[in-house]
Protein backbone atom coordinates (compact mmCIF):
# COMPACT_ATOMS: atom_id res chain seq x y z
CA UNK A 1 -0.04 0.12 -0.17
CA UNK A 2 0.86 3.51 -0.70
CA UNK A 3 -0.22 6.46 0.45
CA UNK A 4 0.42 10.17 0.37
CA UNK A 5 -1.16 13.12 2.77
CA UNK A 6 0.00 16.65 1.34
CA UNK A 7 -1.10 20.10 1.28
CA UNK A 8 -1.26 22.37 -1.85
CA UNK A 9 -0.96 25.88 -2.54
CA UNK A 10 -4.08 27.87 -3.89
CA UNK A 11 -2.32 28.61 -7.11
CA UNK A 12 -2.50 26.81 -10.41
CA UNK A 13 0.70 25.08 -9.62
CA UNK A 14 -1.31 22.92 -7.62
CA UNK A 15 -2.60 20.97 -10.27
CA UNK A 16 0.47 19.99 -11.28
CA UNK A 17 1.82 19.26 -8.21
CA UNK A 18 -1.48 17.09 -7.37
CA UNK A 19 -0.50 14.98 -11.12
CA UNK A 20 3.16 14.21 -9.43
CA UNK A 21 1.92 12.85 -6.31
CA UNK A 22 -0.85 10.61 -8.08
CA UNK A 23 1.98 9.68 -10.64
CA UNK A 24 4.44 8.65 -7.85
CA UNK A 25 1.73 6.05 -6.53
CA UNK A 26 0.63 4.39 -9.36
CA UNK A 27 3.97 3.62 -11.37
CA UNK A 28 3.65 0.72 -13.48
CA UNK A 29 0.25 0.99 -14.30
CA UNK A 30 -0.94 1.36 -17.96
CA UNK A 31 -1.18 4.99 -19.87
CA UNK A 32 -4.69 4.82 -20.07
CA UNK A 33 -5.42 4.23 -16.18
CA UNK A 34 -2.58 7.33 -15.58
CA UNK A 35 -4.16 9.34 -18.34
CA UNK A 36 -7.77 9.05 -16.18
CA UNK A 37 -6.63 9.39 -12.76
CA UNK A 38 -4.75 12.61 -13.54
CA UNK A 39 -7.33 14.14 -15.58
CA UNK A 40 -10.07 13.71 -12.67
CA UNK A 41 -7.43 14.77 -9.75
CA UNK A 42 -6.80 17.45 -12.27
CA UNK A 43 -10.91 18.17 -12.24
CA UNK A 44 -11.37 17.62 -8.47
CA UNK A 45 -8.32 20.07 -7.93
CA UNK A 46 -9.21 22.76 -10.26
CA UNK A 47 -12.91 22.90 -8.32
CA UNK A 48 -11.34 23.02 -5.20
CA UNK A 49 -9.07 26.43 -6.20
CA UNK A 50 -11.86 27.77 -8.09
CA UNK A 51 -14.82 27.17 -6.14
CA UNK A 52 -13.16 26.49 -2.19
CA UNK A 53 -11.75 28.17 0.30
CA UNK A 54 -8.56 28.07 2.41
CA UNK A 55 -6.16 24.91 2.55
CA UNK A 56 -6.29 22.52 -0.37
CA UNK A 57 -5.68 18.82 0.98
CA UNK A 58 -5.28 16.22 -1.20
CA UNK A 59 -4.89 12.57 0.04
CA UNK A 60 -3.92 9.47 -2.69
CA UNK A 61 -4.08 5.72 -1.62
CA UNK A 62 -3.09 2.19 -3.73
CA UNK A 63 -3.77 -0.62 -2.01
CA UNK A 64 -4.23 -4.06 -3.52
CA UNK A 65 -4.55 -1.68 -6.75
CA UNK A 66 -7.37 0.34 -6.36
CA UNK A 67 -6.87 3.85 -6.37
CA UNK A 68 -8.68 6.14 -4.03
CA UNK A 69 -7.91 10.11 -4.80
CA UNK A 70 -10.00 12.55 -2.36
CA UNK A 71 -9.39 16.22 -2.42
CA UNK A 72 -10.54 18.81 0.11
CA UNK A 73 -10.72 22.51 1.05
CA UNK A 74 -11.86 24.24 4.47
CA UNK A 75 -14.87 26.10 1.79
CA UNK A 76 -18.63 24.93 3.48
CA UNK A 77 -20.83 24.67 0.25
CA UNK A 78 -22.10 21.83 -1.24
CA UNK A 79 -20.86 20.15 -3.97
CA UNK A 80 -22.46 19.17 -6.67
CA UNK A 81 -22.85 19.07 -10.74
CA UNK A 82 -24.10 21.64 -12.54
CA UNK A 83 -27.36 21.21 -13.87
CA UNK A 84 -26.70 22.43 -17.29
CA UNK A 85 -22.97 22.56 -18.63
CA UNK A 86 -21.78 25.27 -20.89
CA UNK A 87 -18.77 26.24 -22.85
CA UNK A 88 -18.01 27.86 -19.66
CA UNK A 89 -17.79 25.22 -17.64
CA UNK A 90 -19.69 21.93 -15.12
CA UNK A 91 -18.50 19.30 -17.01
CA UNK A 92 -15.47 17.96 -14.64
CA UNK A 93 -18.17 16.44 -12.42
CA UNK A 94 -19.40 14.81 -14.80
CA UNK A 95 -15.94 13.74 -16.80
CA UNK A 96 -15.16 12.17 -13.10
CA UNK A 97 -18.43 10.40 -12.73
CA UNK A 98 -17.98 9.04 -16.47
CA UNK A 99 -14.72 7.45 -15.98
CA UNK A 100 -14.53 6.42 -12.24
CA UNK A 101 -15.51 3.24 -10.83
CA UNK A 102 -16.98 5.57 -7.81
CA UNK A 103 -17.10 9.11 -6.76
CA UNK A 104 -18.45 11.17 -4.04
CA UNK A 105 -18.99 13.92 -1.44
CA UNK A 106 -17.55 13.15 2.45
CA UNK A 107 -20.98 14.20 4.06
CA UNK A 108 -20.85 17.94 5.68
CA UNK A 109 -17.54 18.77 3.54
CA UNK A 110 -16.12 20.09 0.58
CA UNK A 111 -13.93 16.34 0.27
CA UNK A 112 -14.54 14.89 -3.09
CA UNK A 113 -13.31 11.51 -4.29
CA UNK A 114 -13.05 9.06 -6.75
CA UNK A 115 -11.90 5.31 -6.90
CA UNK A 116 -10.54 3.55 -10.20
CA UNK A 117 -9.14 -0.06 -10.01
CA UNK A 118 -5.60 0.20 -11.48
CA UNK A 119 -6.01 -3.70 -12.64
CA UNK A 120 -5.76 -4.44 -16.50
């Protein structure tokens, strides 16, 4: 099992930093699975930076071929899919919903997570 917990700065560099952390935890997986994990990580971190507040934290766990990524911030807003996405946004959680094996929001928080099987 590998697990990394870290905080990310509230800056555009955070998406790259988060992707680097995930990449370190999933060495040896197929390019397709890596790309899926990195895309979803980017979406969650981008949402935390755009819509959240305070410290952004990242937890990445790779256990028995299953990846769990959780992104949290200190906001108190509800997290939900935009009812009608547009060219300005609203697609991120739909992408996560489509790709992840499972995803959700921890009750009472702005903690969003996804799970992805890394089995080929």
